[in-house]
């Protein structure tokens, strides 16, 4: 009989089999929704050429099919975490899962690009409540000695969503139609909701007023900057509306930071960034997401647009990349306490940058698939070495009262990186190439992937500033 580190004084001891069973159950009920949320980051990518054709969508629309989700996701993560701390994390988690499930059904019923963009934005609102609170609920429910391993498994589940997203999207588009990409979330959500309601216990963090001014300023700033980047290539970087959006977004971002510095209850407590580990890992999360997901957005379409594969065939060809995080992330979570986050995250980012650079070097219109296998595996291992150790750094940097907002901050920065990555690398693509011919697609893809590799390399160097193994 042993007593866990999270048990209050005087609590009855819990035997080890009971702890293991509860750990597995909690991982299941938070893992299923996390799988859905991460799946929807990439599940659309292999369907984009088909959606482009059926809905008559433009390149700008394709970007917003991704960015509408990631921007609403990013804008509300911190607010959802704060609401969870105040009203109850379990309650807000369940509300987010319900909204995500309903919005998935709405996505499946759209018939115009603007309708899909709107439904994807609502999906992101639900995801904003699910992702950070799942990690907070997991950290609170797991004994301290098992926390890093549990976070590693949580990272593996996230990696599984990334891994099977392109394959699931391709299989559904080939076998049925693209709408079923979203219908699949509905039965999963209906199963996950009662399980989570039964298993999870309610918890709260530090109660504080909601920072609605901060929410509006931050969301407006990010939306303006991303809008300007998305439309810069088509409308001209010196056009009045693009310059207005970019300059206005930067100005709003400055006002947001100034407000957060003096706000009585800031949504983004700037004091958190006094922790060097937290500041560095968030910078890496941004560069990682910007470089990788912008490249994935374009590479996922390469096999269809240039080489003529079906969506399913394209998804299967990305598996060496996307399956690796599912295997590597749990292993990284198991060893992060022994070797420290610096060696794992720095190694992961260097491998990822090398993989992207390798892809850029070998990409031509007639490249054979075998040329991609090694760099795909390299990039996948790099991603796996990043997920769980980054989450461990965030959780280890603060006490339980701050973990909700810290997790929300990290997820916010990562999702902003995804949106910025899709916008920036698609703009690089549009400046040098187009969808008109396979040759023009490659002309745009290669410089875009080089930009992604360079951005990830910056994060790899910054990772050397992370703490090493704690003695």
Protein backbone atom coordinates (compact mmCIF):
# COMPACT_ATOMS: atom_id res chain seq x y z
CA UNK A 1 0.00 0.00 0.00
CA UNK A 2 1.38 3.43 -0.97
CA UNK A 3 0.20 7.00 -0.64
CA UNK A 4 0.47 9.19 -3.73
CA UNK A 5 2.10 12.60 -3.73
CA UNK A 6 -1.22 14.26 -4.59
CA UNK A 7 -3.23 12.78 -1.74
CA UNK A 8 -4.19 15.19 1.06
CA UNK A 9 -2.99 14.53 4.55
CA UNK A 10 -5.02 11.84 6.21
CA UNK A 11 -6.34 10.44 2.93
CA UNK A 12 -6.59 6.66 2.70
CA UNK A 13 -3.71 4.99 0.96
CA UNK A 14 -4.26 3.88 -2.61
CA UNK A 15 -2.78 0.59 -3.76
CA UNK A 16 -0.67 0.56 -6.91
CA UNK A 17 -3.11 -1.40 -9.15
CA UNK A 18 -5.83 1.16 -8.33
CA UNK A 19 -3.49 4.01 -9.24
CA UNK A 20 -2.63 2.32 -12.54
CA UNK A 21 -6.26 1.72 -13.39
CA UNK A 22 -7.21 5.32 -12.62
CA UNK A 23 -4.24 6.58 -14.63
CA UNK A 24 -5.30 4.54 -17.65
CA UNK A 25 -8.90 5.72 -17.30
CA UNK A 26 -7.98 9.39 -16.98
CA UNK A 27 -5.62 9.11 -19.95
CA UNK A 28 -8.46 7.63 -21.99
CA UNK A 29 -11.05 10.28 -21.14
CA UNK A 30 -8.70 13.23 -21.76
CA UNK A 31 -6.88 11.50 -24.61
CA UNK A 32 -9.91 10.86 -26.85
CA UNK A 33 -10.86 14.56 -27.05
CA UNK A 34 -7.21 15.58 -27.49
CA UNK A 35 -6.97 13.07 -30.33
CA UNK A 36 -9.98 14.69 -32.01
CA UNK A 37 -8.57 18.21 -31.62
CA UNK A 38 -5.11 17.34 -32.96
CA UNK A 39 -6.60 15.21 -35.73
CA UNK A 40 -8.46 18.24 -37.03
CA UNK A 41 -5.25 20.26 -37.35
CA UNK A 42 -4.12 18.10 -40.28
CA UNK A 43 -7.10 15.98 -41.31
CA UNK A 44 -8.18 18.67 -43.78
CA UNK A 45 -4.81 18.99 -45.54
CA UNK A 46 -5.10 15.97 -47.84
CA UNK A 47 -8.67 16.93 -48.70
CA UNK A 48 -7.76 20.49 -49.73
CA UNK A 49 -7.40 19.79 -53.48
CA UNK A 50 -10.80 18.06 -53.52
CA UNK A 51 -12.47 20.80 -51.43
CA UNK A 52 -10.84 23.40 -53.70
CA UNK A 53 -12.48 21.76 -56.69
CA UNK A 54 -15.91 21.02 -55.20
CA UNK A 55 -16.42 24.36 -53.44
CA UNK A 56 -14.56 26.49 -55.99
CA UNK A 57 -12.15 27.68 -53.29
CA UNK A 58 -9.14 29.94 -53.85
CA UNK A 59 -5.66 29.62 -52.30
CA UNK A 60 -6.75 32.24 -49.76
CA UNK A 61 -9.81 30.12 -48.89
CA UNK A 62 -7.60 27.04 -48.43
CA UNK A 63 -5.47 28.94 -45.94
CA UNK A 64 -8.54 30.09 -44.03
CA UNK A 65 -9.90 26.53 -43.84
CA UNK A 66 -6.83 25.89 -41.66
CA UNK A 67 -6.41 29.32 -40.06
CA UNK A 68 -10.05 29.86 -39.07
CA UNK A 69 -9.63 26.83 -36.80
CA UNK A 70 -6.18 27.67 -35.47
CA UNK A 71 -6.87 31.38 -34.92
CA UNK A 72 -10.05 30.93 -32.90
CA UNK A 73 -8.28 28.09 -31.11
CA UNK A 74 -5.32 30.34 -30.29
CA UNK A 75 -7.38 33.43 -29.42
CA UNK A 76 -9.48 31.68 -26.78
CA UNK A 77 -7.04 29.21 -25.19
CA UNK A 78 -6.05 31.55 -22.36
CA UNK A 79 -9.60 32.72 -21.79
CA UNK A 80 -10.84 29.11 -21.71
CA UNK A 81 -8.13 28.24 -19.19
CA UNK A 82 -9.11 31.22 -17.03
CA UNK A 83 -12.80 30.32 -17.22
CA UNK A 84 -11.89 26.75 -16.29
CA UNK A 85 -9.92 27.96 -13.27
CA UNK A 86 -12.91 30.03 -12.19
CA UNK A 87 -15.96 27.92 -13.06
CA UNK A 88 -14.39 24.47 -12.93
CA UNK A 89 -11.99 22.80 -15.34
CA UNK A 90 -14.12 19.70 -15.81
CA UNK A 91 -17.23 21.76 -16.55
CA UNK A 92 -15.50 23.93 -19.17
CA UNK A 93 -13.72 20.90 -20.67
CA UNK A 94 -17.07 19.17 -21.21
CA UNK A 95 -18.63 22.33 -22.65
CA UNK A 96 -15.74 22.67 -25.11
CA UNK A 97 -16.05 19.04 -26.17
CA UNK A 98 -19.79 19.50 -26.77
CA UNK A 99 -19.25 22.61 -28.90
CA UNK A 100 -16.46 20.93 -30.88
CA UNK A 101 -18.74 17.97 -31.68
CA UNK A 102 -21.63 20.20 -32.80
CA UNK A 103 -19.34 22.39 -34.91
CA UNK A 104 -17.93 19.29 -36.60
CA UNK A 105 -21.44 18.42 -37.75
CA UNK A 106 -21.85 21.98 -39.02
CA UNK A 107 -18.59 21.68 -41.02
CA UNK A 108 -19.93 18.54 -42.68
CA UNK A 109 -23.09 20.32 -43.84
CA UNK A 110 -21.43 23.36 -45.47
CA UNK A 111 -21.82 24.06 -49.17
CA UNK A 112 -19.80 27.29 -49.61
CA UNK A 113 -16.23 28.24 -48.67
CA UNK A 114 -17.38 30.97 -46.27
CA UNK A 115 -19.65 28.50 -44.47
CA UNK A 116 -16.80 26.04 -43.94
CA UNK A 117 -14.54 28.84 -42.71
CA UNK A 118 -17.17 29.92 -40.17
CA UNK A 119 -17.85 26.39 -38.93
CA UNK A 120 -14.11 25.73 -38.60
CA UNK A 121 -13.82 28.87 -36.47
CA UNK A 122 -16.51 27.55 -34.11
CA UNK A 123 -14.69 24.20 -33.98
CA UNK A 124 -11.62 26.12 -32.82
CA UNK A 125 -13.59 27.69 -29.98
CA UNK A 126 -14.48 24.24 -28.66
CA UNK A 127 -10.93 22.98 -29.14
CA UNK A 128 -9.64 25.94 -27.10
CA UNK A 129 -11.39 24.57 -24.03
CA UNK A 130 -10.37 20.95 -24.64
CA UNK A 131 -6.62 21.13 -25.29
CA UNK A 132 -5.14 23.07 -22.33
CA UNK A 133 -7.64 21.81 -19.76
CA UNK A 134 -7.00 18.20 -20.75
CA UNK A 135 -3.36 18.61 -19.75
CA UNK A 136 -4.24 20.45 -16.53
CA UNK A 137 -6.81 17.83 -15.54
CA UNK A 138 -4.32 15.07 -16.31
CA UNK A 139 -1.52 16.70 -14.30
CA UNK A 140 -3.82 17.13 -11.30
CA UNK A 141 -5.08 13.53 -11.44
CA UNK A 142 -1.71 11.79 -11.76
CA UNK A 143 0.75 11.11 -8.92
CA UNK A 144 3.83 13.33 -9.14
CA UNK A 145 6.16 10.39 -9.79
CA UNK A 146 4.09 9.37 -12.83
CA UNK A 147 3.43 12.84 -14.22
CA UNK A 148 6.24 12.98 -16.80
CA UNK A 149 5.33 9.53 -18.12
CA UNK A 150 1.64 10.49 -18.28
CA UNK A 151 2.48 13.70 -20.13
CA UNK A 152 4.59 11.61 -22.49
CA UNK A 153 1.62 9.36 -23.24
CA UNK A 154 -0.55 12.48 -23.67
CA UNK A 155 2.04 13.70 -26.17
CA UNK A 156 1.88 10.34 -27.92
CA UNK A 157 -1.89 10.67 -28.25
CA UNK A 158 -1.38 14.14 -29.73
CA UNK A 159 1.18 12.60 -32.05
CA UNK A 160 -1.31 9.91 -33.06
CA UNK A 161 -3.78 12.61 -34.09
CA UNK A 162 -1.07 14.24 -36.19
CA UNK A 163 -0.02 10.85 -37.59
CA UNK A 164 -3.36 9.55 -38.76
CA UNK A 165 -4.85 12.93 -39.72
CA UNK A 166 -3.61 12.94 -43.33
CA UNK A 167 -4.34 9.22 -43.73
CA UNK A 168 -7.84 9.44 -42.25
CA UNK A 169 -8.56 12.50 -44.38
CA UNK A 170 -7.30 10.77 -47.52
CA UNK A 171 -9.14 7.51 -46.82
CA UNK A 172 -12.43 9.29 -46.15
CA UNK A 173 -12.16 11.49 -49.24
CA UNK A 174 -11.34 8.46 -51.43
CA UNK A 175 -13.90 6.13 -49.87
CA UNK A 176 -16.85 8.42 -49.21
CA UNK A 177 -16.54 12.22 -49.51
CA UNK A 178 -14.73 15.04 -47.73
CA UNK A 179 -17.73 15.88 -45.52
CA UNK A 180 -17.17 12.64 -43.59
CA UNK A 181 -13.86 14.01 -42.34
CA UNK A 182 -16.01 16.04 -39.95
CA UNK A 183 -18.89 13.59 -39.45
CA UNK A 184 -16.38 11.16 -37.89
CA UNK A 185 -15.96 13.50 -34.90
CA UNK A 186 -19.63 13.27 -33.98
CA UNK A 187 -19.85 9.63 -32.74
CA UNK A 188 -16.44 9.96 -31.07
CA UNK A 189 -17.63 13.06 -29.23
CA UNK A 190 -20.88 11.37 -28.19
CA UNK A 191 -18.88 8.50 -26.67
CA UNK A 192 -16.27 10.72 -25.02
CA UNK A 193 -18.73 13.10 -23.33
CA UNK A 194 -20.41 10.68 -20.88
CA UNK A 195 -17.10 8.95 -20.15
CA UNK A 196 -15.42 12.24 -19.25
CA UNK A 197 -18.41 13.37 -17.19
CA UNK A 198 -18.25 10.18 -15.15
CA UNK A 199 -14.49 9.84 -14.65
CA UNK A 200 -13.11 13.37 -14.26
CA UNK A 201 -13.33 15.19 -10.95
CA UNK A 202 -13.85 18.91 -10.71
CA UNK A 203 -10.92 21.19 -9.94
CA UNK A 204 -10.33 24.92 -9.93
CA UNK A 205 -7.38 27.26 -10.06
CA UNK A 206 -6.96 30.81 -8.87
CA UNK A 207 -10.30 32.61 -9.32
CA UNK A 208 -9.94 35.98 -11.04
CA UNK A 209 -11.84 38.39 -13.25
CA UNK A 210 -11.90 37.62 -16.95
CA UNK A 211 -9.64 39.89 -18.98
CA UNK A 212 -12.08 40.68 -21.79
CA UNK A 213 -10.07 43.70 -22.96
CA UNK A 214 -6.99 41.54 -23.26
CA UNK A 215 -8.98 38.92 -25.19
CA UNK A 216 -10.24 41.47 -27.73
CA UNK A 217 -6.83 43.13 -28.15
CA UNK A 218 -4.89 39.87 -28.58
CA UNK A 219 -7.43 38.27 -30.93
CA UNK A 220 -7.66 41.42 -33.05
CA UNK A 221 -3.87 41.76 -33.24
CA UNK A 222 -3.26 38.18 -34.36
CA UNK A 223 -6.18 38.22 -36.80
CA UNK A 224 -4.97 41.47 -38.41
CA UNK A 225 -1.39 40.23 -38.80
CA UNK A 226 -2.42 36.86 -40.25
CA UNK A 227 -4.94 38.51 -42.58
CA UNK A 228 -2.24 40.84 -43.86
CA UNK A 229 0.20 37.98 -44.45
CA UNK A 230 -2.43 35.79 -46.16
CA UNK A 231 -3.42 38.55 -48.59
CA UNK A 232 0.03 40.07 -49.09
CA UNK A 233 1.06 37.83 -51.98
CA UNK A 234 -2.19 38.32 -53.92
CA UNK A 235 -2.94 41.99 -53.21
CA UNK A 236 0.65 43.26 -52.99
CA UNK A 237 2.67 43.86 -49.85
CA UNK A 238 2.56 47.61 -50.41
CA UNK A 239 -1.21 47.77 -50.96
CA UNK A 240 -3.10 49.99 -48.55
CA UNK A 241 -5.26 47.27 -46.98
CA UNK A 242 -2.34 44.86 -46.44
CA UNK A 243 -0.13 47.56 -44.89
CA UNK A 244 -3.03 48.74 -42.74
CA UNK A 245 -3.64 45.20 -41.47
CA UNK A 246 0.04 44.52 -40.70
CA UNK A 247 0.77 47.87 -39.06
CA UNK A 248 -2.53 47.83 -37.20
CA UNK A 249 -1.88 44.30 -35.96
CA UNK A 250 1.56 45.16 -34.62
CA UNK A 251 0.15 48.29 -32.94
CA UNK A 252 -2.65 46.27 -31.33
CA UNK A 253 -0.10 43.71 -30.13
CA UNK A 254 1.91 46.50 -28.45
CA UNK A 255 -1.25 47.85 -26.79
CA UNK A 256 -2.12 44.33 -25.63
CA UNK A 257 1.28 43.85 -23.96
CA UNK A 258 1.04 47.27 -22.33
CA UNK A 259 -2.40 46.45 -21.00
CA UNK A 260 -1.31 43.04 -19.70
CA UNK A 261 1.54 44.74 -17.84
CA UNK A 262 -0.86 46.83 -15.76
CA UNK A 263 -4.13 44.85 -15.87
CA UNK A 264 -5.36 43.77 -12.40
CA UNK A 265 -6.21 40.26 -13.70
CA UNK A 266 -4.30 39.74 -16.97
CA UNK A 267 -5.21 36.86 -19.28
CA UNK A 268 -1.49 36.54 -20.04
CA UNK A 269 0.44 37.18 -16.79
CA UNK A 270 3.77 38.55 -18.02
CA UNK A 271 5.34 37.44 -14.72
CA UNK A 272 5.31 33.88 -16.08
CA UNK A 273 7.99 34.86 -18.56
CA UNK A 274 10.43 35.61 -15.73
CA UNK A 275 11.07 31.87 -15.90
CA UNK A 276 13.77 31.45 -18.53
CA UNK A 277 12.72 27.87 -19.23
CA UNK A 278 9.13 28.95 -19.84
CA UNK A 279 10.15 31.86 -22.09
CA UNK A 280 12.51 29.71 -24.15
CA UNK A 281 10.14 26.78 -24.57
CA UNK A 282 7.37 29.10 -25.75
CA UNK A 283 9.67 30.71 -28.31
CA UNK A 284 10.58 27.23 -29.55
CA UNK A 285 6.90 26.25 -29.70
CA UNK A 286 6.30 29.26 -31.96
CA UNK A 287 9.23 28.65 -34.33
CA UNK A 288 8.49 24.91 -34.42
CA UNK A 289 4.83 25.39 -35.36
CA UNK A 290 5.55 28.18 -37.82
CA UNK A 291 8.19 26.21 -39.72
CA UNK A 292 6.63 22.75 -39.63
CA UNK A 293 2.91 23.26 -40.15
CA UNK A 294 3.41 25.79 -42.91
CA UNK A 295 5.54 23.20 -44.71
CA UNK A 296 3.02 20.40 -44.04
CA UNK A 297 0.22 22.55 -45.50
CA UNK A 298 2.06 22.60 -48.83
CA UNK A 299 3.71 19.18 -48.77
CA UNK A 300 0.38 17.45 -48.10
CA UNK A 301 -0.86 18.74 -51.43
CA UNK A 302 2.38 18.02 -53.34
CA UNK A 303 1.66 14.32 -53.91
CA UNK A 304 -1.74 15.12 -55.43
CA UNK A 305 -1.03 18.31 -57.37
CA UNK A 306 2.41 17.32 -58.73
CA UNK A 307 2.51 13.53 -58.73
CA UNK A 308 -1.15 12.71 -59.30
CA UNK A 309 -1.78 10.47 -56.28
CA UNK A 310 -5.22 10.12 -54.68
CA UNK A 311 -5.83 11.68 -51.24
CA UNK A 312 -5.44 8.28 -49.54
CA UNK A 313 -2.23 7.46 -51.43
CA UNK A 314 -0.90 10.88 -50.45
CA UNK A 315 -1.77 10.35 -46.80
CA UNK A 316 -0.08 6.95 -46.69
CA UNK A 317 3.10 8.47 -48.10
CA UNK A 318 3.33 10.91 -45.18
CA UNK A 319 3.22 8.10 -42.56
CA UNK A 320 7.02 7.84 -42.07
CA UNK A 321 6.85 11.44 -40.87
CA UNK A 322 3.54 11.50 -39.03
CA UNK A 323 3.78 8.11 -37.28
CA UNK A 324 7.17 8.76 -35.71
CA UNK A 325 5.90 11.26 -33.07
CA UNK A 326 3.39 8.70 -31.81
CA UNK A 327 6.25 6.32 -31.00
CA UNK A 328 8.92 8.82 -29.95
CA UNK A 329 6.83 11.20 -27.81
CA UNK A 330 5.95 8.66 -25.05
CA UNK A 331 9.59 7.50 -24.93
CA UNK A 332 10.75 11.11 -24.61
CA UNK A 333 8.29 11.60 -21.74
CA UNK A 334 9.72 8.57 -19.94
CA UNK A 335 13.34 9.78 -20.11
CA UNK A 336 12.97 13.57 -19.86
CA UNK A 337 13.48 13.56 -16.08
CA UNK A 338 16.69 11.54 -16.49
CA UNK A 339 18.37 13.42 -19.33
CA UNK A 340 16.70 16.84 -19.03
CA UNK A 341 14.60 18.73 -21.58
CA UNK A 342 17.51 20.58 -23.22
CA UNK A 343 19.11 17.57 -24.91
CA UNK A 344 15.77 16.18 -26.12
CA UNK A 345 14.24 19.40 -27.46
CA UNK A 346 17.47 20.71 -28.98
CA UNK A 347 18.13 17.36 -30.67
CA UNK A 348 14.54 17.24 -31.89
CA UNK A 349 14.67 20.71 -33.42
CA UNK A 350 18.03 20.06 -35.13
CA UNK A 351 16.69 16.81 -36.61
CA UNK A 352 13.51 18.54 -37.74
CA UNK A 353 15.40 21.41 -39.40
CA UNK A 354 17.68 18.90 -41.12
CA UNK A 355 14.70 16.88 -42.34
CA UNK A 356 13.00 19.94 -43.83
CA UNK A 357 16.21 21.08 -45.51
CA UNK A 358 16.69 17.58 -46.96
CA UNK A 359 13.14 17.68 -48.36
CA UNK A 360 13.82 21.04 -49.99
CA UNK A 361 17.02 19.71 -51.59
CA UNK A 362 15.48 16.59 -53.16
CA UNK A 363 12.11 18.00 -54.26
CA UNK A 364 11.58 18.09 -58.04
CA UNK A 365 8.61 17.29 -60.26
CA UNK A 366 9.88 13.76 -60.90
CA UNK A 367 11.39 12.93 -57.49
CA UNK A 368 10.82 9.32 -56.40
CA UNK A 369 9.02 8.61 -53.15
CA UNK A 370 12.04 6.74 -51.77
CA UNK A 371 13.95 10.03 -51.65
CA UNK A 372 11.49 11.31 -49.05
CA UNK A 373 11.45 8.39 -46.61
CA UNK A 374 14.65 9.22 -44.70
CA UNK A 375 13.96 12.97 -44.28
CA UNK A 376 10.35 12.21 -43.32
CA UNK A 377 11.54 9.83 -40.58
CA UNK A 378 14.11 12.40 -39.42
CA UNK A 379 11.46 15.12 -39.20
CA UNK A 380 9.03 12.83 -37.39
CA UNK A 381 11.60 11.85 -34.75
CA UNK A 382 12.35 15.54 -34.26
CA UNK A 383 8.68 16.31 -33.65
CA UNK A 384 8.37 13.43 -31.19
CA UNK A 385 11.37 14.64 -29.19
CA UNK A 386 9.71 18.06 -28.88
CA UNK A 387 6.08 17.41 -27.86
CA UNK A 388 6.28 15.78 -24.42
CA UNK A 389 9.47 17.48 -23.11
CA UNK A 390 8.01 20.89 -23.99
CA UNK A 391 4.84 20.09 -22.03
CA UNK A 392 6.95 18.82 -19.12
CA UNK A 393 8.89 22.11 -19.02
CA UNK A 394 5.63 24.07 -18.88
CA UNK A 395 4.15 21.89 -16.12
CA UNK A 396 7.37 21.82 -14.08
CA UNK A 397 7.86 25.59 -14.17
CA UNK A 398 4.87 26.46 -11.97
CA UNK A 399 2.62 25.31 -9.15
CA UNK A 400 -0.85 23.90 -9.75
CA UNK A 401 -2.54 27.31 -9.46
CA UNK A 402 -0.58 28.61 -12.46
CA UNK A 403 -0.46 25.46 -14.58
CA UNK A 404 -3.77 26.17 -16.30
CA UNK A 405 -2.74 29.59 -17.60
CA UNK A 406 0.79 28.35 -18.35
CA UNK A 407 -0.58 25.47 -20.44
CA UNK A 408 -2.99 27.84 -22.14
CA UNK A 409 -0.18 30.28 -22.94
CA UNK A 410 1.97 27.55 -24.47
CA UNK A 411 -0.89 26.19 -26.57
CA UNK A 412 -1.84 29.72 -27.66
CA UNK A 413 1.66 30.50 -28.87
CA UNK A 414 1.88 27.16 -30.67
CA UNK A 415 -1.46 27.66 -32.46
CA UNK A 416 -0.55 31.23 -33.43
CA UNK A 417 2.60 29.70 -34.89
CA UNK A 418 0.50 27.25 -36.93
CA UNK A 419 -1.63 30.08 -38.35
CA UNK A 420 1.39 32.28 -39.04
CA UNK A 421 3.24 29.35 -40.60
CA UNK A 422 0.44 28.55 -43.03
CA UNK A 423 0.13 32.25 -43.92
CA UNK A 424 3.86 32.98 -44.25
CA UNK A 425 4.90 29.86 -46.16
CA UNK A 426 1.83 30.03 -48.42
CA UNK A 427 2.82 33.63 -49.21
CA UNK A 428 6.35 32.50 -50.06
CA UNK A 429 4.82 29.79 -52.24
CA UNK A 430 2.48 32.24 -54.01
CA UNK A 431 5.34 34.68 -54.65
CA UNK A 432 7.40 32.04 -56.49
CA UNK A 433 4.88 29.52 -57.85
CA UNK A 434 1.24 28.53 -58.26
CA UNK A 435 -1.18 25.61 -58.71
CA UNK A 436 -1.22 26.06 -62.50
CA UNK A 437 1.29 23.30 -63.38
CA UNK A 438 3.40 20.75 -61.46
CA UNK A 439 6.54 22.73 -62.34
CA UNK A 440 5.09 25.95 -60.93
CA UNK A 441 3.94 24.16 -57.78
CA UNK A 442 7.49 22.90 -57.15
CA UNK A 443 8.87 26.37 -57.91
CA UNK A 444 6.81 27.70 -55.00
CA UNK A 445 7.17 24.70 -52.68
CA UNK A 446 10.97 24.52 -52.53
CA UNK A 447 11.65 28.08 -51.26
CA UNK A 448 8.74 27.80 -48.82
CA UNK A 449 10.20 24.61 -47.27
CA UNK A 450 13.62 26.27 -47.07
CA UNK A 451 12.06 29.12 -45.11
CA UNK A 452 10.42 26.60 -42.78
CA UNK A 453 13.72 24.80 -42.22
CA UNK A 454 15.48 28.09 -41.40
CA UNK A 455 12.83 29.07 -38.85
CA UNK A 456 13.02 25.68 -37.11
CA UNK A 457 16.83 25.96 -37.04
CA UNK A 458 16.51 29.20 -35.05
CA UNK A 459 14.45 27.29 -32.47
CA UNK A 460 17.09 24.56 -32.35
CA UNK A 461 19.75 27.08 -31.35
CA UNK A 462 17.46 28.65 -28.73
CA UNK A 463 16.81 25.20 -27.23
CA UNK A 464 20.39 25.18 -25.97
CA UNK A 465 19.25 27.75 -23.38
CA UNK A 466 16.85 25.28 -21.75
CA UNK A 467 17.72 23.68 -18.40
CA UNK A 468 19.63 20.42 -18.36
CA UNK A 469 19.07 17.43 -16.12
CA UNK A 470 18.12 18.34 -12.54
CA UNK A 471 20.45 16.73 -10.03
